[in-house]
């Protein structure tokens, strides 16, 4: 009987280890998916594209941009662009 208990204990250790690994992998995958979806869906105050963007550092004005202003670096100095009101 003692051989059976040894065998059973080793089996249970192995299964506990595998369940722990499975839980870690599943949790990591779900955290990765949630962080990925939160970074791709950026909410903007305005639904449409702006008519112009202005650099906060040098004042450069970019007319008719193809993206939202925070996504565009300033062509002149590399600063952050803001929507012109």
PDB file of N, CA and C in Angstrom:
ATOM      1  N   UNK A   1       0.810  -1.199   0.000  1.00  0.00           N
ATOM      2  CA  UNK A   1       0.000   0.000   0.000  1.00  0.00           C
ATOM      3  C   UNK A   1       0.854   1.264   0.000  1.00  0.00           C
ATOM      4  N   UNK A   2       2.012   1.244   0.641  1.00  0.00           N
ATOM      5  CA  UNK A   2       2.831   2.438   0.718  1.00  0.00           C
ATOM      6  C   UNK A   2       3.340   2.846  -0.666  1.00  0.00           C
ATOM      7  N   UNK A   3       3.563   1.879  -1.552  1.00  0.00           N
ATOM      8  CA  UNK A   3       3.962   2.210  -2.923  1.00  0.00           C
ATOM      9  C   UNK A   3       2.842   2.955  -3.646  1.00  0.00           C
ATOM     10  N   UNK A   4       1.625   2.550  -3.395  1.00  0.00           N
ATOM     11  CA  UNK A   4       0.480   3.219  -4.008  1.00  0.00           C
ATOM     12  C   UNK A   4       0.398   4.676  -3.547  1.00  0.00           C
ATOM     13  N   UNK A   5       0.593   4.922  -2.250  1.00  0.00           N
ATOM     14  CA  UNK A   5       0.523   6.284  -1.727  1.00  0.00           C
ATOM     15  C   UNK A   5       1.658   7.147  -2.271  1.00  0.00           C
ATOM     16  N   UNK A   6       2.840   6.568  -2.421  1.00  0.00           N
ATOM     17  CA  UNK A   6       3.951   7.298  -3.025  1.00  0.00           C
ATOM     18  C   UNK A   6       3.616   7.690  -4.464  1.00  0.00           C
ATOM     19  N   UNK A   7       3.091   6.722  -5.173  1.00  0.00           N
ATOM     20  CA  UNK A   7       2.719   6.961  -6.574  1.00  0.00           C
ATOM     21  C   UNK A   7       1.641   8.043  -6.656  1.00  0.00           C
ATOM     22  N   UNK A   8       0.640   7.941  -5.799  1.00  0.00           N
ATOM     23  CA  UNK A   8      -0.461   8.902  -5.796  1.00  0.00           C
ATOM     24  C   UNK A   8       0.028  10.304  -5.419  1.00  0.00           C
ATOM     25  N   UNK A   9       0.914  10.405  -4.437  1.00  0.00           N
ATOM     26  CA  UNK A   9       1.440  11.697  -4.030  1.00  0.00           C
ATOM     27  C   UNK A   9       2.205  12.365  -5.180  1.00  0.00           C
ATOM     28  N   UNK A  10       3.011  11.595  -5.890  1.00  0.00           N
ATOM     29  CA  UNK A  10       3.743  12.148  -7.030  1.00  0.00           C
ATOM     30  C   UNK A  10       2.797  12.610  -8.128  1.00  0.00           C
ATOM     31  N   UNK A  11       1.747  11.859  -8.392  1.00  0.00           N
ATOM     32  CA  UNK A  11       0.746  12.249  -9.389  1.00  0.00           C
ATOM     33  C   UNK A  11       0.063  13.550  -8.993  1.00  0.00           C
ATOM     34  N   UNK A  12      -0.295  13.669  -7.717  1.00  0.00           N
ATOM     35  CA  UNK A  12      -0.973  14.881  -7.255  1.00  0.00           C
ATOM     36  C   UNK A  12      -0.045  16.086  -7.298  1.00  0.00           C
ATOM     37  N   UNK A  13       1.222  15.899  -6.974  1.00  0.00           N
ATOM     38  CA  UNK A  13       2.182  17.001  -7.089  1.00  0.00           C
ATOM     39  C   UNK A  13       2.271  17.472  -8.534  1.00  0.00           C
ATOM     40  N   UNK A  14       2.357  16.532  -9.445  1.00  0.00           N
ATOM     41  CA  UNK A  14       2.459  16.863 -10.867  1.00  0.00           C
ATOM     42  C   UNK A  14       1.220  17.614 -11.343  1.00  0.00           C
ATOM     43  N   UNK A  15       0.049  17.153 -10.953  1.00  0.00           N
ATOM     44  CA  UNK A  15      -1.186  17.815 -11.359  1.00  0.00           C
ATOM     45  C   UNK A  15      -1.290  19.213 -10.751  1.00  0.00           C
ATOM     46  N   UNK A  16      -0.884  19.381  -9.517  1.00  0.00           N
ATOM     47  CA  UNK A  16      -0.911  20.714  -8.895  1.00  0.00           C
ATOM     48  C   UNK A  16       0.032  21.657  -9.631  1.00  0.00           C
ATOM     49  N   UNK A  17       1.197  21.173 -10.007  1.00  0.00           N
ATOM     50  CA  UNK A  17       2.145  21.984 -10.758  1.00  0.00           C
ATOM     51  C   UNK A  17       1.568  22.393 -12.110  1.00  0.00           C
ATOM     52  N   UNK A  18       0.960  21.462 -12.800  1.00  0.00           N
ATOM     53  CA  UNK A  18       0.380  21.762 -14.112  1.00  0.00           C
ATOM     54  C   UNK A  18      -0.785  22.743 -14.000  1.00  0.00           C
ATOM     55  N   UNK A  19      -1.611  22.611 -12.978  1.00  0.00           N
ATOM     56  CA  UNK A  19      -2.717  23.548 -12.781  1.00  0.00           C
ATOM     57  C   UNK A  19      -2.202  24.949 -12.467  1.00  0.00           C
ATOM     58  N   UNK A  20      -1.127  25.048 -11.716  1.00  0.00           N
ATOM     59  CA  UNK A  20      -0.534  26.348 -11.409  1.00  0.00           C
ATOM     60  C   UNK A  20      -0.009  27.003 -12.675  1.00  0.00           C
ATOM     61  N   UNK A  21       0.690  26.237 -13.498  1.00  0.00           N
ATOM     62  CA  UNK A  21       1.213  26.769 -14.763  1.00  0.00           C
ATOM     63  C   UNK A  21       0.064  27.212 -15.661  1.00  0.00           C
ATOM     64  N   UNK A  22      -0.972  26.414 -15.754  1.00  0.00           N
ATOM     65  CA  UNK A  22      -2.135  26.762 -16.572  1.00  0.00           C
ATOM     66  C   UNK A  22      -2.785  28.055 -16.082  1.00  0.00           C
ATOM     67  N   UNK A  23      -2.919  28.212 -14.775  1.00  0.00           N
ATOM     68  CA  UNK A  23      -3.520  29.428 -14.220  1.00  0.00           C
ATOM     69  C   UNK A  23      -2.661  30.651 -14.533  1.00  0.00           C
ATOM     70  N   UNK A  24      -1.346  30.521 -14.414  1.00  0.00           N
ATOM     71  CA  UNK A  24      -0.458  31.643 -14.710  1.00  0.00           C
ATOM     72  C   UNK A  24      -0.515  32.033 -16.180  1.00  0.00           C
ATOM     73  N   UNK A  25      -0.534  31.060 -17.057  1.00  0.00           N
ATOM     74  CA  UNK A  25      -0.581  31.346 -18.489  1.00  0.00           C
ATOM     75  C   UNK A  25      -1.918  31.983 -18.861  1.00  0.00           C
ATOM     76  N   UNK A  26      -3.003  31.467 -18.324  1.00  0.00           N
ATOM     77  CA  UNK A  26      -4.325  32.012 -18.624  1.00  0.00           C
ATOM     78  C   UNK A  26      -4.457  33.441 -18.117  1.00  0.00           C
ATOM     79  N   UNK A  27      -3.992  33.701 -16.908  1.00  0.00           N
ATOM     80  CA  UNK A  27      -4.056  35.051 -16.344  1.00  0.00           C
ATOM     81  C   UNK A  27      -3.191  36.010 -17.147  1.00  0.00           C
ATOM     82  N   UNK A  28      -2.001  35.579 -17.524  1.00  0.00           N
ATOM     83  CA  UNK A  28      -1.121  36.422 -18.319  1.00  0.00           C
ATOM     84  C   UNK A  28      -1.717  36.751 -19.671  1.00  0.00           C
ATOM     85  N   UNK A  29      -2.348  35.767 -20.313  1.00  0.00           N
ATOM     86  CA  UNK A  29      -2.959  36.007 -21.617  1.00  0.00           C
ATOM     87  C   UNK A  29      -4.133  36.972 -21.508  1.00  0.00           C
ATOM     88  N   UNK A  30      -4.936  36.837 -20.467  1.00  0.00           N
ATOM     89  CA  UNK A  30      -6.078  37.744 -20.324  1.00  0.00           C
ATOM     90  C   UNK A  30      -5.617  39.164 -20.005  1.00  0.00           C
ATOM     91  N   UNK A  31      -4.552  39.298 -19.209  1.00  0.00           N
ATOM     92  CA  UNK A  31      -4.027  40.635 -18.922  1.00  0.00           C
ATOM     93  C   UNK A  31      -3.445  41.267 -20.178  1.00  0.00           C
ATOM     94  N   UNK A  32      -2.780  40.465 -20.995  1.00  0.00           N
ATOM     95  CA  UNK A  32      -2.209  40.975 -22.239  1.00  0.00           C
ATOM     96  C   UNK A  32      -3.321  41.452 -23.174  1.00  0.00           C
ATOM     97  N   UNK A  33      -4.379  40.685 -23.301  1.00  0.00           N
ATOM     98  CA  UNK A  33      -5.492  41.060 -24.185  1.00  0.00           C
ATOM     99  C   UNK A  33      -6.176  42.326 -23.690  1.00  0.00           C
ATOM    100  N   UNK A  34      -6.362  42.447 -22.369  1.00  0.00           N
ATOM    101  CA  UNK A  34      -7.035  43.638 -21.853  1.00  0.00           C
ATOM    102  C   UNK A  34      -6.165  44.879 -22.030  1.00  0.00           C
ATOM    103  N   UNK A  35      -4.861  44.748 -21.864  1.00  0.00           N
ATOM    104  CA  UNK A  35      -3.997  45.911 -22.061  1.00  0.00           C
ATOM    105  C   UNK A  35      -3.890  46.261 -23.530  1.00  0.00           C
ATOM    106  N   UNK A  36      -3.931  45.271 -24.399  1.00  0.00           N
ATOM    107  CA  UNK A  36      -3.853  45.517 -25.834  1.00  0.00           C
ATOM    108  C   UNK A  36      -5.104  46.240 -26.326  1.00  0.00           C
ATOM    109  N   UNK A  37      -6.247  45.839 -25.838  1.00  0.00           N
ATOM    110  CA  UNK A  37      -7.476  46.474 -26.290  1.00  0.00           C
ATOM    111  C   UNK A  37      -7.617  47.886 -25.734  1.00  0.00           C
ATOM    112  N   UNK A  38      -7.069  48.139 -24.553  1.00  0.00           N
ATOM    113  CA  UNK A  38      -7.188  49.481 -23.987  1.00  0.00           C
ATOM    114  C   UNK A  38      -6.267  50.470 -24.691  1.00  0.00           C
ATOM    115  N   UNK A  39      -5.152  50.006 -25.255  1.00  0.00           N
ATOM    116  CA  UNK A  39      -4.249  50.924 -25.935  1.00  0.00           C
ATOM    117  C   UNK A  39      -4.674  51.207 -27.362  1.00  0.00           C
ATOM    118  N   UNK A  40      -5.429  50.299 -27.970  1.00  0.00           N
ATOM    119  CA  UNK A  40      -5.812  50.519 -29.359  1.00  0.00           C
ATOM    120  C   UNK A  40      -7.075  51.361 -29.492  1.00  0.00           C
ATOM    121  N   UNK A  41      -7.903  51.400 -28.492  1.00  0.00           N
ATOM    122  CA  UNK A  41      -9.143  52.173 -28.589  1.00  0.00           C
ATOM    123  C   UNK A  41      -8.992  53.484 -27.816  1.00  0.00           C
ATOM    124  N   UNK A  42      -8.374  54.473 -28.444  1.00  0.00           N
ATOM    125  CA  UNK A  42      -8.164  55.771 -27.807  1.00  0.00           C
ATOM    126  C   UNK A  42      -9.420  56.612 -27.971  1.00  0.00           C
ATOM    127  N   UNK A  43      -9.870  57.177 -26.869  1.00  0.00           N
ATOM    128  CA  UNK A  43     -11.056  58.036 -26.900  1.00  0.00           C
ATOM    129  C   UNK A  43     -10.610  59.478 -27.114  1.00  0.00           C
ATOM    130  N   UNK A  44     -11.257  60.162 -28.027  1.00  0.00           N
ATOM    131  CA  UNK A  44     -10.969  61.565 -28.285  1.00  0.00           C
ATOM    132  C   UNK A  44     -12.183  62.402 -27.928  1.00  0.00           C
ATOM    133  N   UNK A  45     -11.937  63.637 -27.584  1.00  0.00           N
ATOM    134  CA  UNK A  45     -13.021  64.542 -27.227  1.00  0.00           C
ATOM    135  C   UNK A  45     -13.876  64.857 -28.446  1.00  0.00           C
ATOM    136  N   UNK A  46     -13.232  64.970 -29.620  1.00  0.00           N
ATOM    137  CA  UNK A  46     -13.927  65.303 -30.850  1.00  0.00           C
ATOM    138  C   UNK A  46     -13.976  64.071 -31.749  1.00  0.00           C
ATOM    139  N   UNK A  47     -15.114  63.854 -32.395  1.00  0.00           N
ATOM    140  CA  UNK A  47     -15.276  62.663 -33.227  1.00  0.00           C
ATOM    141  C   UNK A  47     -14.509  62.779 -34.545  1.00  0.00           C
ATOM    142  N   UNK A  48     -14.533  63.957 -35.157  1.00  0.00           N
ATOM    143  CA  UNK A  48     -13.891  64.121 -36.454  1.00  0.00           C
ATOM    144  C   UNK A  48     -12.463  64.615 -36.341  1.00  0.00           C
ATOM    145  N   UNK A  49     -11.791  64.626 -37.485  1.00  0.00           N
ATOM    146  CA  UNK A  49     -10.428  65.135 -37.531  1.00  0.00           C
ATOM    147  C   UNK A  49     -10.444  66.660 -37.462  1.00  0.00           C
ATOM    148  N   UNK A  50      -9.390  67.266 -36.935  1.00  0.00           N
ATOM    149  CA  UNK A  50      -9.351  68.720 -36.818  1.00  0.00           C
ATOM    150  C   UNK A  50      -9.048  69.396 -38.155  1.00  0.00           C
ATOM    151  N   UNK A  51      -9.345  70.671 -38.228  1.00  0.00           N
ATOM    152  CA  UNK A  51      -8.996  71.422 -39.441  1.00  0.00           C
ATOM    153  C   UNK A  51      -7.537  71.850 -39.402  1.00  0.00           C
ATOM    154  N   UNK A  52      -6.964  71.985 -38.194  1.00  0.00           N
ATOM    155  CA  UNK A  52      -5.557  72.352 -38.055  1.00  0.00           C
ATOM    156  C   UNK A  52      -5.054  71.951 -36.675  1.00  0.00           C
ATOM    157  N   UNK A  53      -3.731  71.709 -36.594  1.00  0.00           N
ATOM    158  CA  UNK A  53      -3.072  71.397 -35.332  1.00  0.00           C
ATOM    159  C   UNK A  53      -1.983  72.426 -35.090  1.00  0.00           C
ATOM    160  N   UNK A  54      -1.765  72.774 -33.812  1.00  0.00           N
ATOM    161  CA  UNK A  54      -0.752  73.754 -33.439  1.00  0.00           C
ATOM    162  C   UNK A  54       0.229  73.093 -32.475  1.00  0.00           C
ATOM    163  N   UNK A  55       1.537  73.340 -32.695  1.00  0.00           N
ATOM    164  CA  UNK A  55       2.571  72.806 -31.805  1.00  0.00           C
ATOM    165  C   UNK A  55       2.595  73.618 -30.516  1.00  0.00           C
ATOM    166  N   UNK A  56       2.687  72.915 -29.383  1.00  0.00           N
ATOM    167  CA  UNK A  56       2.725  73.611 -28.099  1.00  0.00           C
ATOM    168  C   UNK A  56       4.080  74.249 -27.823  1.00  0.00           C
ATOM    169  N   UNK A  57       5.143  73.808 -28.505  1.00  0.00           N
ATOM    170  CA  UNK A  57       6.479  74.367 -28.257  1.00  0.00           C
ATOM    171  C   UNK A  57       6.795  75.552 -29.164  1.00  0.00           C
ATOM    172  N   UNK A  58       6.668  75.332 -30.473  1.00  0.00           N
ATOM    173  CA  UNK A  58       7.132  76.374 -31.401  1.00  0.00           C
ATOM    174  C   UNK A  58       5.998  77.127 -32.096  1.00  0.00           C
ATOM    175  N   UNK A  59       4.753  76.641 -31.974  1.00  0.00           N
ATOM    176  CA  UNK A  59       3.625  77.334 -32.582  1.00  0.00           C
ATOM    177  C   UNK A  59       3.387  77.002 -34.046  1.00  0.00           C
ATOM    178  N   UNK A  60       4.083  75.992 -34.573  1.00  0.00           N
ATOM    179  CA  UNK A  60       3.893  75.590 -35.970  1.00  0.00           C
ATOM    180  C   UNK A  60       2.451  75.138 -36.182  1.00  0.00           C
ATOM    181  N   UNK A  61       1.842  75.538 -37.311  1.00  0.00           N
ATOM    182  CA  UNK A  61       0.455  75.177 -37.615  1.00  0.00           C
ATOM    183  C   UNK A  61       0.455  74.196 -38.782  1.00  0.00           C
ATOM    184  N   UNK A  62      -0.195  73.060 -38.578  1.00  0.00           N
ATOM    185  CA  UNK A  62      -0.333  72.040 -39.605  1.00  0.00           C
ATOM    186  C   UNK A  62      -1.790  72.030 -40.054  1.00  0.00           C
ATOM    187  N   UNK A  63      -2.041  72.383 -41.298  1.00  0.00           N
ATOM    188  CA  UNK A  63      -3.410  72.447 -41.832  1.00  0.00           C
ATOM    189  C   UNK A  63      -3.855  71.080 -42.346  1.00  0.00           C
ATOM    190  N   UNK A  64      -5.107  70.758 -42.156  1.00  0.00           N
ATOM    191  CA  UNK A  64      -5.755  69.532 -42.644  1.00  0.00           C
ATOM    192  C   UNK A  64      -4.950  68.259 -42.369  1.00  0.00           C
ATOM    193  N   UNK A  65      -4.732  67.909 -41.100  1.00  0.00           N
ATOM    194  CA  UNK A  65      -3.990  66.684 -40.784  1.00  0.00           C
ATOM    195  C   UNK A  65      -4.821  65.444 -41.107  1.00  0.00           C
ATOM    196  N   UNK A  66      -4.151  64.331 -41.310  1.00  0.00           N
ATOM    197  CA  UNK A  66      -4.833  63.068 -41.615  1.00  0.00           C
ATOM    198  C   UNK A  66      -5.050  62.208 -40.372  1.00  0.00           C
ATOM    199  N   UNK A  67      -4.535  62.663 -39.218  1.00  0.00           N
ATOM    200  CA  UNK A  67      -4.701  61.967 -37.940  1.00  0.00           C
ATOM    201  C   UNK A  67      -5.122  62.974 -36.882  1.00  0.00           C
ATOM    202  N   UNK A  68      -5.465  62.478 -35.714  1.00  0.00           N
ATOM    203  CA  UNK A  68      -5.751  63.363 -34.587  1.00  0.00           C
ATOM    204  C   UNK A  68      -4.443  64.005 -34.130  1.00  0.00           C
ATOM    205  N   UNK A  69      -4.508  65.208 -33.629  1.00  0.00           N
ATOM    206  CA  UNK A  69      -3.316  66.001 -33.304  1.00  0.00           C
ATOM    207  C   UNK A  69      -2.338  65.323 -32.339  1.00  0.00           C
ATOM    208  N   UNK A  70      -2.778  64.677 -31.242  1.00  0.00           N
ATOM    209  CA  UNK A  70      -1.798  64.055 -30.341  1.00  0.00           C
ATOM    210  C   UNK A  70      -0.991  62.924 -30.990  1.00  0.00           C
ATOM    211  N   UNK A  71      -1.475  62.368 -32.085  1.00  0.00           N
ATOM    212  CA  UNK A  71      -0.774  61.284 -32.769  1.00  0.00           C
ATOM    213  C   UNK A  71       0.327  61.805 -33.700  1.00  0.00           C
ATOM    214  N   UNK A  72       0.381  63.110 -33.933  1.00  0.00           N
ATOM    215  CA  UNK A  72       1.321  63.684 -34.890  1.00  0.00           C
ATOM    216  C   UNK A  72       2.411  64.450 -34.137  1.00  0.00           C
ATOM    217  N   UNK A  73       3.691  64.124 -34.345  1.00  0.00           N
ATOM    218  CA  UNK A  73       4.743  64.981 -33.779  1.00  0.00           C
ATOM    219  C   UNK A  73       4.914  66.210 -34.667  1.00  0.00           C
ATOM    220  N   UNK A  74       5.353  67.302 -34.092  1.00  0.00           N
ATOM    221  CA  UNK A  74       5.556  68.530 -34.856  1.00  0.00           C
ATOM    222  C   UNK A  74       6.637  68.304 -35.917  1.00  0.00           C
ATOM    223  N   UNK A  75       6.358  68.653 -37.174  1.00  0.00           N
ATOM    224  CA  UNK A  75       7.364  68.480 -38.222  1.00  0.00           C
ATOM    225  C   UNK A  75       8.590  69.365 -38.022  1.00  0.00           C
ATOM    226  N   UNK A  76       8.437  70.469 -37.316  1.00  0.00           N
ATOM    227  CA  UNK A  76       9.554  71.400 -37.138  1.00  0.00           C
ATOM    228  C   UNK A  76      10.427  71.037 -35.936  1.00  0.00           C
ATOM    229  N   UNK A  77       9.803  70.839 -34.747  1.00  0.00           N
ATOM    230  CA  UNK A  77      10.611  70.639 -33.535  1.00  0.00           C
ATOM    231  C   UNK A  77      10.370  69.294 -32.846  1.00  0.00           C
ATOM    232  N   UNK A  78       9.360  68.515 -33.287  1.00  0.00           N
ATOM    233  CA  UNK A  78       9.072  67.226 -32.660  1.00  0.00           C
ATOM    234  C   UNK A  78       8.191  67.326 -31.433  1.00  0.00           C
ATOM    235  N   UNK A  79       7.659  68.516 -31.157  1.00  0.00           N
ATOM    236  CA  UNK A  79       6.803  68.722 -29.980  1.00  0.00           C
ATOM    237  C   UNK A  79       5.414  68.127 -30.174  1.00  0.00           C
ATOM    238  N   UNK A  80       4.601  68.254 -29.151  1.00  0.00           N
ATOM    239  CA  UNK A  80       3.237  67.719 -29.180  1.00  0.00           C
ATOM    240  C   UNK A  80       2.307  68.714 -29.882  1.00  0.00           C
ATOM    241  N   UNK A  81       1.432  68.162 -30.716  1.00  0.00           N
ATOM    242  CA  UNK A  81       0.488  68.984 -31.458  1.00  0.00           C
ATOM    243  C   UNK A  81      -0.871  68.968 -30.743  1.00  0.00           C
ATOM    244  N   UNK A  82      -1.569  70.123 -30.818  1.00  0.00           N
ATOM    245  CA  UNK A  82      -2.885  70.271 -30.223  1.00  0.00           C
ATOM    246  C   UNK A  82      -3.849  70.802 -31.277  1.00  0.00           C
ATOM    247  N   UNK A  83      -5.122  70.517 -31.085  1.00  0.00           N
ATOM    248  CA  UNK A  83      -6.160  70.997 -32.001  1.00  0.00           C
ATOM    249  C   UNK A  83      -6.276  72.514 -31.914  1.00  0.00           C
ATOM    250  N   UNK A  84      -6.322  73.171 -33.056  1.00  0.00           N
ATOM    251  CA  UNK A  84      -6.515  74.619 -33.069  1.00  0.00           C
ATOM    252  C   UNK A  84      -7.998  74.911 -32.966  1.00  0.00           C
ATOM    253  N   UNK A  85      -8.354  75.839 -32.117  1.00  0.00           N
ATOM    254  CA  UNK A  85      -9.769  76.175 -31.918  1.00  0.00           C
ATOM    255  C   UNK A  85     -10.205  77.297 -32.812  1.00  0.00           C
TER     256      UNK A  85
END
